[in-house]
Amino acid sequence: MDQITRQRRSGSAWREIVTRQEQSGLTVTEFCEQEGLKAASLYGWRVRLRQQQTTGTTTSPTVSNRTGVQKTAEEFIDRKRPGVTSGDLKKAC
């Protein structure tokens, strides 16, 4: 049975891959089949890299940035005590 191995790539590696695909003249699907990549990953990184270009950032977006929702400390759930938020803990103290 063939085992699929995942390779974690850096942002700069994805930047190179996106550039190669754009210069290849191939569709994303064709390029990904040839390179052994998932098209969804290439599309996702292409969007991420374009967003970084427009905002001038070079780091990966955080969950709050991706969803557009900012959470305060009181809104996070205390994983040690399910169902209890940090706001509840502050009130109890």
PDB file of N, CA and C in Angstrom:
ATOM      1  N   MET A   1       0.844  -1.181   0.000  1.00  0.00           N
ATOM      2  CA  MET A   1       0.000   0.000   0.000  1.00  0.00           C
ATOM      3  C   MET A   1       0.888   1.242   0.000  1.00  0.00           C
ATOM      4  N   ASP A   2       0.622   2.173  -0.910  1.00  0.00           N
ATOM      5  CA  ASP A   2       1.405   3.398  -0.981  1.00  0.00           C
ATOM      6  C   ASP A   2       1.055   4.314   0.182  1.00  0.00           C
ATOM      7  N   GLN A   3       2.078   4.866   0.764  1.00  0.00           N
ATOM      8  CA  GLN A   3       1.876   5.790   1.865  1.00  0.00           C
ATOM      9  C   GLN A   3       2.096   7.217   1.362  1.00  0.00           C
ATOM     10  N   ILE A   4       1.143   8.087   1.654  1.00  0.00           N
ATOM     11  CA  ILE A   4       1.253   9.478   1.238  1.00  0.00           C
ATOM     12  C   ILE A   4       2.036  10.228   2.306  1.00  0.00           C
ATOM     13  N   THR A   5       3.056  10.956   1.857  1.00  0.00           N
ATOM     14  CA  THR A   5       3.832  11.745   2.803  1.00  0.00           C
ATOM     15  C   THR A   5       3.528  13.210   2.575  1.00  0.00           C
ATOM     16  N   ARG A   6       3.360  13.917   3.668  1.00  0.00           N
ATOM     17  CA  ARG A   6       3.117  15.358   3.602  1.00  0.00           C
ATOM     18  C   ARG A   6       4.435  16.074   3.766  1.00  0.00           C
ATOM     19  N   GLN A   7       4.584  17.123   3.010  1.00  0.00           N
ATOM     20  CA  GLN A   7       5.786  17.939   3.124  1.00  0.00           C
ATOM     21  C   GLN A   7       5.352  19.340   3.517  1.00  0.00           C
ATOM     22  N   ARG A   8       5.865  19.819   4.629  1.00  0.00           N
ATOM     23  CA  ARG A   8       5.553  21.172   5.060  1.00  0.00           C
ATOM     24  C   ARG A   8       6.507  22.124   4.372  1.00  0.00           C
ATOM     25  N   ARG A   9       5.941  23.129   3.709  1.00  0.00           N
ATOM     26  CA  ARG A   9       6.750  24.095   2.966  1.00  0.00           C
ATOM     27  C   ARG A   9       6.646  25.468   3.616  1.00  0.00           C
ATOM     28  N   SER A  10       7.701  26.235   3.501  1.00  0.00           N
ATOM     29  CA  SER A  10       7.715  27.593   4.043  1.00  0.00           C
ATOM     30  C   SER A  10       6.971  28.534   3.100  1.00  0.00           C
ATOM     31  N   GLY A  11       6.699  29.732   3.583  1.00  0.00           N
ATOM     32  CA  GLY A  11       6.062  30.738   2.750  1.00  0.00           C
ATOM     33  C   GLY A  11       6.892  31.072   1.525  1.00  0.00           C
ATOM     34  N   SER A  12       8.209  31.124   1.690  1.00  0.00           N
ATOM     35  CA  SER A  12       9.072  31.440   0.546  1.00  0.00           C
ATOM     36  C   SER A  12       9.057  30.307  -0.484  1.00  0.00           C
ATOM     37  N   ALA A  13       8.950  29.062  -0.022  1.00  0.00           N
ATOM     38  CA  ALA A  13       8.854  27.929  -0.953  1.00  0.00           C
ATOM     39  C   ALA A  13       7.553  28.019  -1.743  1.00  0.00           C
ATOM     40  N   TRP A  14       6.450  28.361  -1.064  1.00  0.00           N
ATOM     41  CA  TRP A  14       5.170  28.504  -1.757  1.00  0.00           C
ATOM     42  C   TRP A  14       5.197  29.681  -2.715  1.00  0.00           C
ATOM     43  N   ARG A  15       5.883  30.745  -2.351  1.00  0.00           N
ATOM     44  CA  ARG A  15       6.013  31.906  -3.253  1.00  0.00           C
ATOM     45  C   ARG A  15       6.673  31.468  -4.562  1.00  0.00           C
ATOM     46  N   GLU A  16       7.714  30.643  -4.432  1.00  0.00           N
ATOM     47  CA  GLU A  16       8.407  30.127  -5.614  1.00  0.00           C
ATOM     48  C   GLU A  16       7.496  29.215  -6.438  1.00  0.00           C
ATOM     49  N   ILE A  17       6.743  28.360  -5.758  1.00  0.00           N
ATOM     50  CA  ILE A  17       5.836  27.435  -6.447  1.00  0.00           C
ATOM     51  C   ILE A  17       4.762  28.207  -7.203  1.00  0.00           C
ATOM     52  N   VAL A  18       4.172  29.214  -6.552  1.00  0.00           N
ATOM     53  CA  VAL A  18       3.133  30.021  -7.203  1.00  0.00           C
ATOM     54  C   VAL A  18       3.704  30.725  -8.431  1.00  0.00           C
ATOM     55  N   THR A  19       4.902  31.268  -8.305  1.00  0.00           N
ATOM     56  CA  THR A  19       5.553  31.945  -9.435  1.00  0.00           C
ATOM     57  C   THR A  19       5.807  30.968 -10.578  1.00  0.00           C
ATOM     58  N   ARG A  20       6.306  29.771 -10.240  1.00  0.00           N
ATOM     59  CA  ARG A  20       6.562  28.759 -11.277  1.00  0.00           C
ATOM     60  C   ARG A  20       5.284  28.378 -12.004  1.00  0.00           C
ATOM     61  N   GLN A  21       4.180  28.232 -11.256  1.00  0.00           N
ATOM     62  CA  GLN A  21       2.909  27.866 -11.889  1.00  0.00           C
ATOM     63  C   GLN A  21       2.457  28.978 -12.820  1.00  0.00           C
ATOM     64  N   GLU A  22       2.548  30.223 -12.377  1.00  0.00           N
ATOM     65  CA  GLU A  22       2.114  31.348 -13.207  1.00  0.00           C
ATOM     66  C   GLU A  22       2.935  31.443 -14.490  1.00  0.00           C
ATOM     67  N   GLN A  23       4.226  31.139 -14.406  1.00  0.00           N
ATOM     68  CA  GLN A  23       5.104  31.233 -15.567  1.00  0.00           C
ATOM     69  C   GLN A  23       5.057  29.989 -16.452  1.00  0.00           C
ATOM     70  N   SER A  24       4.465  28.911 -15.939  1.00  0.00           N
ATOM     71  CA  SER A  24       4.469  27.646 -16.672  1.00  0.00           C
ATOM     72  C   SER A  24       3.513  27.624 -17.864  1.00  0.00           C
ATOM     73  N   GLY A  25       2.473  28.433 -17.801  1.00  0.00           N
ATOM     74  CA  GLY A  25       1.468  28.384 -18.860  1.00  0.00           C
ATOM     75  C   GLY A  25       0.465  27.261 -18.657  1.00  0.00           C
ATOM     76  N   LEU A  26       0.633  26.488 -17.586  1.00  0.00           N
ATOM     77  CA  LEU A  26      -0.285  25.389 -17.276  1.00  0.00           C
ATOM     78  C   LEU A  26      -1.394  25.897 -16.373  1.00  0.00           C
ATOM     79  N   THR A  27      -2.519  25.196 -16.400  1.00  0.00           N
ATOM     80  CA  THR A  27      -3.565  25.512 -15.436  1.00  0.00           C
ATOM     81  C   THR A  27      -3.087  25.057 -14.065  1.00  0.00           C
ATOM     82  N   VAL A  28      -3.752  25.524 -13.030  1.00  0.00           N
ATOM     83  CA  VAL A  28      -3.382  25.112 -11.670  1.00  0.00           C
ATOM     84  C   VAL A  28      -3.507  23.597 -11.547  1.00  0.00           C
ATOM     85  N   THR A  29      -4.576  23.038 -12.086  1.00  0.00           N
ATOM     86  CA  THR A  29      -4.795  21.591 -12.005  1.00  0.00           C
ATOM     87  C   THR A  29      -3.675  20.820 -12.696  1.00  0.00           C
ATOM     88  N   GLU A  30      -3.324  21.242 -13.904  1.00  0.00           N
ATOM     89  CA  GLU A  30      -2.264  20.562 -14.652  1.00  0.00           C
ATOM     90  C   GLU A  30      -0.925  20.668 -13.917  1.00  0.00           C
ATOM     91  N   PHE A  31      -0.620  21.871 -13.451  1.00  0.00           N
ATOM     92  CA  PHE A  31       0.642  22.096 -12.747  1.00  0.00           C
ATOM     93  C   PHE A  31       0.710  21.241 -11.481  1.00  0.00           C
ATOM     94  N   CYS A  32      -0.374  21.222 -10.720  1.00  0.00           N
ATOM     95  CA  CYS A  32      -0.390  20.464  -9.465  1.00  0.00           C
ATOM     96  C   CYS A  32      -0.262  18.967  -9.702  1.00  0.00           C
ATOM     97  N   GLU A  33      -0.899  18.458 -10.741  1.00  0.00           N
ATOM     98  CA  GLU A  33      -0.758  17.033 -11.074  1.00  0.00           C
ATOM     99  C   GLU A  33       0.694  16.716 -11.422  1.00  0.00           C
ATOM    100  N   GLN A  34       1.318  17.606 -12.177  1.00  0.00           N
ATOM    101  CA  GLN A  34       2.706  17.410 -12.590  1.00  0.00           C
ATOM    102  C   GLN A  34       3.657  17.481 -11.389  1.00  0.00           C
ATOM    103  N   GLU A  35       3.361  18.367 -10.445  1.00  0.00           N
ATOM    104  CA  GLU A  35       4.246  18.583  -9.289  1.00  0.00           C
ATOM    105  C   GLU A  35       3.882  17.746  -8.069  1.00  0.00           C
ATOM    106  N   GLY A  36       2.755  17.054  -8.119  1.00  0.00           N
ATOM    107  CA  GLY A  36       2.318  16.254  -6.983  1.00  0.00           C
ATOM    108  C   GLY A  36       1.791  17.099  -5.835  1.00  0.00           C
ATOM    109  N   LEU A  37       1.124  18.199  -6.171  1.00  0.00           N
ATOM    110  CA  LEU A  37       0.564  19.104  -5.168  1.00  0.00           C
ATOM    111  C   LEU A  37      -0.955  19.056  -5.215  1.00  0.00           C
ATOM    112  N   LYS A  38      -1.577  19.522  -4.150  1.00  0.00           N
ATOM    113  CA  LYS A  38      -3.023  19.665  -4.138  1.00  0.00           C
ATOM    114  C   LYS A  38      -3.361  21.059  -4.643  1.00  0.00           C
ATOM    115  N   ALA A  39      -4.304  21.121  -5.571  1.00  0.00           N
ATOM    116  CA  ALA A  39      -4.699  22.407  -6.151  1.00  0.00           C
ATOM    117  C   ALA A  39      -5.226  23.348  -5.070  1.00  0.00           C
ATOM    118  N   ALA A  40      -5.954  22.820  -4.094  1.00  0.00           N
ATOM    119  CA  ALA A  40      -6.496  23.659  -3.018  1.00  0.00           C
ATOM    120  C   ALA A  40      -5.381  24.345  -2.240  1.00  0.00           C
ATOM    121  N   SER A  41      -4.277  23.650  -2.032  1.00  0.00           N
ATOM    122  CA  SER A  41      -3.145  24.249  -1.323  1.00  0.00           C
ATOM    123  C   SER A  41      -2.543  25.386  -2.137  1.00  0.00           C
ATOM    124  N   LEU A  42      -2.395  25.166  -3.426  1.00  0.00           N
ATOM    125  CA  LEU A  42      -1.821  26.214  -4.278  1.00  0.00           C
ATOM    126  C   LEU A  42      -2.739  27.431  -4.332  1.00  0.00           C
ATOM    127  N   TYR A  43      -4.040  27.202  -4.502  1.00  0.00           N
ATOM    128  CA  TYR A  43      -4.985  28.314  -4.513  1.00  0.00           C
ATOM    129  C   TYR A  43      -4.932  29.081  -3.188  1.00  0.00           C
ATOM    130  N   GLY A  44      -4.920  28.342  -2.079  1.00  0.00           N
ATOM    131  CA  GLY A  44      -4.882  28.977  -0.760  1.00  0.00           C
ATOM    132  C   GLY A  44      -3.643  29.824  -0.558  1.00  0.00           C
ATOM    133  N   TRP A  45      -2.498  29.282  -0.951  1.00  0.00           N
ATOM    134  CA  TRP A  45      -1.257  30.032  -0.802  1.00  0.00           C
ATOM    135  C   TRP A  45      -1.190  31.220  -1.750  1.00  0.00           C
ATOM    136  N   ARG A  46      -1.757  31.079  -2.919  1.00  0.00           N
ATOM    137  CA  ARG A  46      -1.765  32.196  -3.864  1.00  0.00           C
ATOM    138  C   ARG A  46      -2.551  33.379  -3.280  1.00  0.00           C
ATOM    139  N   VAL A  47      -3.698  33.082  -2.683  1.00  0.00           N
ATOM    140  CA  VAL A  47      -4.500  34.123  -2.031  1.00  0.00           C
ATOM    141  C   VAL A  47      -3.733  34.717  -0.857  1.00  0.00           C
ATOM    142  N   ARG A  48      -3.165  33.867  -0.020  1.00  0.00           N
ATOM    143  CA  ARG A  48      -2.428  34.334   1.161  1.00  0.00           C
ATOM    144  C   ARG A  48      -1.268  35.243   0.766  1.00  0.00           C
ATOM    145  N   LEU A  49      -0.521  34.854  -0.250  1.00  0.00           N
ATOM    146  CA  LEU A  49       0.632  35.642  -0.681  1.00  0.00           C
ATOM    147  C   LEU A  49       0.198  36.976  -1.285  1.00  0.00           C
ATOM    148  N   ARG A  50      -0.903  36.974  -2.007  1.00  0.00           N
ATOM    149  CA  ARG A  50      -1.409  38.235  -2.562  1.00  0.00           C
ATOM    150  C   ARG A  50      -1.883  39.164  -1.455  1.00  0.00           C
ATOM    151  N   GLN A  51      -2.526  38.610  -0.425  1.00  0.00           N
ATOM    152  CA  GLN A  51      -2.960  39.427   0.710  1.00  0.00           C
ATOM    153  C   GLN A  51      -1.755  40.015   1.428  1.00  0.00           C
ATOM    154  N   GLN A  52      -0.709  39.227   1.582  1.00  0.00           N
ATOM    155  CA  GLN A  52       0.503  39.716   2.235  1.00  0.00           C
ATOM    156  C   GLN A  52       1.136  40.833   1.423  1.00  0.00           C
ATOM    157  N   GLN A  53       1.070  40.726   0.097  1.00  0.00           N
ATOM    158  CA  GLN A  53       1.621  41.767  -0.768  1.00  0.00           C
ATOM    159  C   GLN A  53       0.872  43.080  -0.577  1.00  0.00           C
ATOM    160  N   THR A  54      -0.451  43.008  -0.503  1.00  0.00           N
ATOM    161  CA  THR A  54      -1.246  44.230  -0.397  1.00  0.00           C
ATOM    162  C   THR A  54      -1.155  44.847   0.989  1.00  0.00           C
ATOM    163  N   THR A  55      -0.990  44.028   2.028  1.00  0.00           N
ATOM    164  CA  THR A  55      -0.909  44.568   3.391  1.00  0.00           C
ATOM    165  C   THR A  55       0.525  44.817   3.819  1.00  0.00           C
ATOM    166  N   GLY A  56       1.472  44.261   3.080  1.00  0.00           N
ATOM    167  CA  GLY A  56       2.880  44.455   3.417  1.00  0.00           C
ATOM    168  C   GLY A  56       3.368  43.575   4.543  1.00  0.00           C
ATOM    169  N   THR A  57       2.593  42.550   4.925  1.00  0.00           N
ATOM    170  CA  THR A  57       3.019  41.640   5.982  1.00  0.00           C
ATOM    171  C   THR A  57       3.748  40.454   5.383  1.00  0.00           C
ATOM    172  N   THR A  58       4.581  39.823   6.199  1.00  0.00           N
ATOM    173  CA  THR A  58       5.307  38.643   5.725  1.00  0.00           C
ATOM    174  C   THR A  58       5.046  37.436   6.603  1.00  0.00           C
ATOM    175  N   THR A  59       4.270  37.593   7.658  1.00  0.00           N
ATOM    176  CA  THR A  59       3.985  36.462   8.538  1.00  0.00           C
ATOM    177  C   THR A  59       2.658  35.842   8.158  1.00  0.00           C
ATOM    178  N   SER A  60       2.431  34.601   8.590  1.00  0.00           N
ATOM    179  CA  SER A  60       1.161  33.976   8.285  1.00  0.00           C
ATOM    180  C   SER A  60       0.071  34.587   9.147  1.00  0.00           C
ATOM    181  N   PRO A  61      -1.137  34.672   8.585  1.00  0.00           N
ATOM    182  CA  PRO A  61      -2.221  35.277   9.341  1.00  0.00           C
ATOM    183  C   PRO A  61      -2.620  34.410  10.520  1.00  0.00           C
ATOM    184  N   THR A  62      -3.044  35.031  11.587  1.00  0.00           N
ATOM    185  CA  THR A  62      -3.522  34.291  12.752  1.00  0.00           C
ATOM    186  C   THR A  62      -4.968  33.906  12.509  1.00  0.00           C
ATOM    187  N   VAL A  63      -5.496  33.064  13.363  1.00  0.00           N
ATOM    188  CA  VAL A  63      -6.887  32.644  13.215  1.00  0.00           C
ATOM    189  C   VAL A  63      -7.794  33.862  13.267  1.00  0.00           C
ATOM    190  N   SER A  64      -7.544  34.786  14.181  1.00  0.00           N
ATOM    191  CA  SER A  64      -8.411  35.946  14.294  1.00  0.00           C
ATOM    192  C   SER A  64      -8.334  36.809  13.042  1.00  0.00           C
ATOM    193  N   ASN A  65      -7.176  36.902  12.410  1.00  0.00           N
ATOM    194  CA  ASN A  65      -7.058  37.683  11.183  1.00  0.00           C
ATOM    195  C   ASN A  65      -7.772  37.000  10.032  1.00  0.00           C
ATOM    196  N   ARG A  66      -7.702  35.692   9.953  1.00  0.00           N
ATOM    197  CA  ARG A  66      -8.343  34.974   8.850  1.00  0.00           C
ATOM    198  C   ARG A  66      -9.851  35.070   8.948  1.00  0.00           C
ATOM    199  N   THR A  67     -10.386  34.997  10.157  1.00  0.00           N
ATOM    200  CA  THR A  67     -11.834  35.018  10.305  1.00  0.00           C
ATOM    201  C   THR A  67     -12.379  36.420  10.402  1.00  0.00           C
ATOM    202  N   GLY A  68     -11.510  37.391  10.666  1.00  0.00           N
ATOM    203  CA  GLY A  68     -11.954  38.763  10.811  1.00  0.00           C
ATOM    204  C   GLY A  68     -12.584  39.029  12.161  1.00  0.00           C
ATOM    205  N   VAL A  69     -12.492  38.067  13.081  1.00  0.00           N
ATOM    206  CA  VAL A  69     -13.090  38.209  14.396  1.00  0.00           C
ATOM    207  C   VAL A  69     -11.987  38.317  15.430  1.00  0.00           C
ATOM    208  N   GLN A  70     -12.063  39.333  16.240  1.00  0.00           N
ATOM    209  CA  GLN A  70     -11.106  39.493  17.330  1.00  0.00           C
ATOM    210  C   GLN A  70     -11.803  39.063  18.617  1.00  0.00           C
ATOM    211  N   LYS A  71     -11.150  38.223  19.383  1.00  0.00           N
ATOM    212  CA  LYS A  71     -11.737  37.772  20.641  1.00  0.00           C
ATOM    213  C   LYS A  71     -10.978  38.383  21.805  1.00  0.00           C
ATOM    214  N   THR A  72     -11.706  38.729  22.810  1.00  0.00           N
ATOM    215  CA  THR A  72     -11.079  39.215  24.026  1.00  0.00           C
ATOM    216  C   THR A  72     -10.733  38.012  24.895  1.00  0.00           C
ATOM    217  N   ALA A  73      -9.920  38.238  25.898  1.00  0.00           N
ATOM    218  CA  ALA A  73      -9.502  37.145  26.782  1.00  0.00           C
ATOM    219  C   ALA A  73     -10.701  36.510  27.472  1.00  0.00           C
ATOM    220  N   GLU A  74     -11.736  37.299  27.735  1.00  0.00           N
ATOM    221  CA  GLU A  74     -12.917  36.768  28.438  1.00  0.00           C
ATOM    222  C   GLU A  74     -13.720  35.793  27.580  1.00  0.00           C
ATOM    223  N   GLU A  75     -13.530  35.835  26.272  1.00  0.00           N
ATOM    224  CA  GLU A  75     -14.308  34.983  25.380  1.00  0.00           C
ATOM    225  C   GLU A  75     -13.677  33.621  25.128  1.00  0.00           C
ATOM    226  N   PHE A  76     -12.451  33.418  25.566  1.00  0.00           N
ATOM    227  CA  PHE A  76     -11.796  32.137  25.370  1.00  0.00           C
ATOM    228  C   PHE A  76     -12.251  31.146  26.429  1.00  0.00           C
ATOM    229  N   ILE A  77     -12.323  29.890  26.055  1.00  0.00           N
ATOM    230  CA  ILE A  77     -12.759  28.837  26.967  1.00  0.00           C
ATOM    231  C   ILE A  77     -11.551  28.264  27.682  1.00  0.00           C
ATOM    232  N   ASP A  78     -11.684  28.071  28.969  1.00  0.00           N
ATOM    233  CA  ASP A  78     -10.627  27.445  29.756  1.00  0.00           C
ATOM    234  C   ASP A  78     -10.692  25.950  29.487  1.00  0.00           C
ATOM    235  N   ARG A  79      -9.677  25.399  28.819  1.00  0.00           N
ATOM    236  CA  ARG A  79      -9.682  23.987  28.434  1.00  0.00           C
ATOM    237  C   ARG A  79      -9.534  23.056  29.634  1.00  0.00           C
ATOM    238  N   LYS A  80      -9.047  23.583  30.737  1.00  0.00           N
ATOM    239  CA  LYS A  80      -8.905  22.752  31.929  1.00  0.00           C
ATOM    240  C   LYS A  80     -10.262  22.527  32.588  1.00  0.00           C
ATOM    241  N   ARG A  81     -11.158  23.478  32.393  1.00  0.00           N
ATOM    242  CA  ARG A  81     -12.492  23.389  32.984  1.00  0.00           C
ATOM    243  C   ARG A  81     -13.517  23.652  31.888  1.00  0.00           C
ATOM    244  N   PRO A  82     -13.934  22.598  31.157  1.00  0.00           N
ATOM    245  CA  PRO A  82     -14.855  22.781  30.036  1.00  0.00           C
ATOM    246  C   PRO A  82     -16.109  23.547  30.443  1.00  0.00           C
ATOM    247  N   GLY A  83     -16.518  24.464  29.566  1.00  0.00           N
ATOM    248  CA  GLY A  83     -17.724  25.242  29.810  1.00  0.00           C
ATOM    249  C   GLY A  83     -17.497  26.481  30.645  1.00  0.00           C
ATOM    250  N   VAL A  84     -16.262  26.673  31.112  1.00  0.00           N
ATOM    251  CA  VAL A  84     -15.945  27.829  31.940  1.00  0.00           C
ATOM    252  C   VAL A  84     -15.076  28.768  31.132  1.00  0.00           C
ATOM    253  N   THR A  85     -15.497  30.015  30.972  1.00  0.00           N
ATOM    254  CA  THR A  85     -14.687  30.990  30.257  1.00  0.00           C
ATOM    255  C   THR A  85     -13.741  31.680  31.226  1.00  0.00           C
ATOM    256  N   SER A  86     -12.710  32.305  30.682  1.00  0.00           N
ATOM    257  CA  SER A  86     -11.775  33.009  31.562  1.00  0.00           C
ATOM    258  C   SER A  86     -12.471  34.159  32.265  1.00  0.00           C
ATOM    259  N   GLY A  87     -13.518  34.743  31.645  1.00  0.00           N
ATOM    260  CA  GLY A  87     -14.299  35.795  32.293  1.00  0.00           C
ATOM    261  C   GLY A  87     -14.982  35.283  33.538  1.00  0.00           C
ATOM    262  N   ASP A  88     -15.493  34.033  33.480  1.00  0.00           N
ATOM    263  CA  ASP A  88     -16.126  33.417  34.664  1.00  0.00           C
ATOM    264  C   ASP A  88     -15.105  33.246  35.778  1.00  0.00           C
ATOM    265  N   LEU A  89     -13.877  32.878  35.403  1.00  0.00           N
ATOM    266  CA  LEU A  89     -12.844  32.662  36.411  1.00  0.00           C
ATOM    267  C   LEU A  89     -12.484  33.969  37.099  1.00  0.00           C
ATOM    268  N   LYS A  90     -12.436  35.064  36.332  1.00  0.00           N
ATOM    269  CA  LYS A  90     -12.093  36.364  36.914  1.00  0.00           C
ATOM    270  C   LYS A  90     -13.167  36.807  37.896  1.00  0.00           C
ATOM    271  N   LYS A  91     -14.449  36.541  37.552  1.00  0.00           N
ATOM    272  CA  LYS A  91     -15.564  36.915  38.435  1.00  0.00           C
ATOM    273  C   LYS A  91     -15.531  36.123  39.724  1.00  0.00           C
ATOM    274  N   ALA A  92     -15.091  34.854  39.625  1.00  0.00           N
ATOM    275  CA  ALA A  92     -15.072  33.975  40.788  1.00  0.00           C
ATOM    276  C   ALA A  92     -13.945  34.337  41.754  1.00  0.00           C
ATOM    277  N   CYS A  93     -12.908  34.985  41.251  1.00  0.00           N
ATOM    278  CA  CYS A  93     -11.761  35.312  42.097  1.00  0.00           C
ATOM    279  C   CYS A  93     -11.970  36.535  42.939  1.00  0.00           C
TER     280      CYS A  93
END
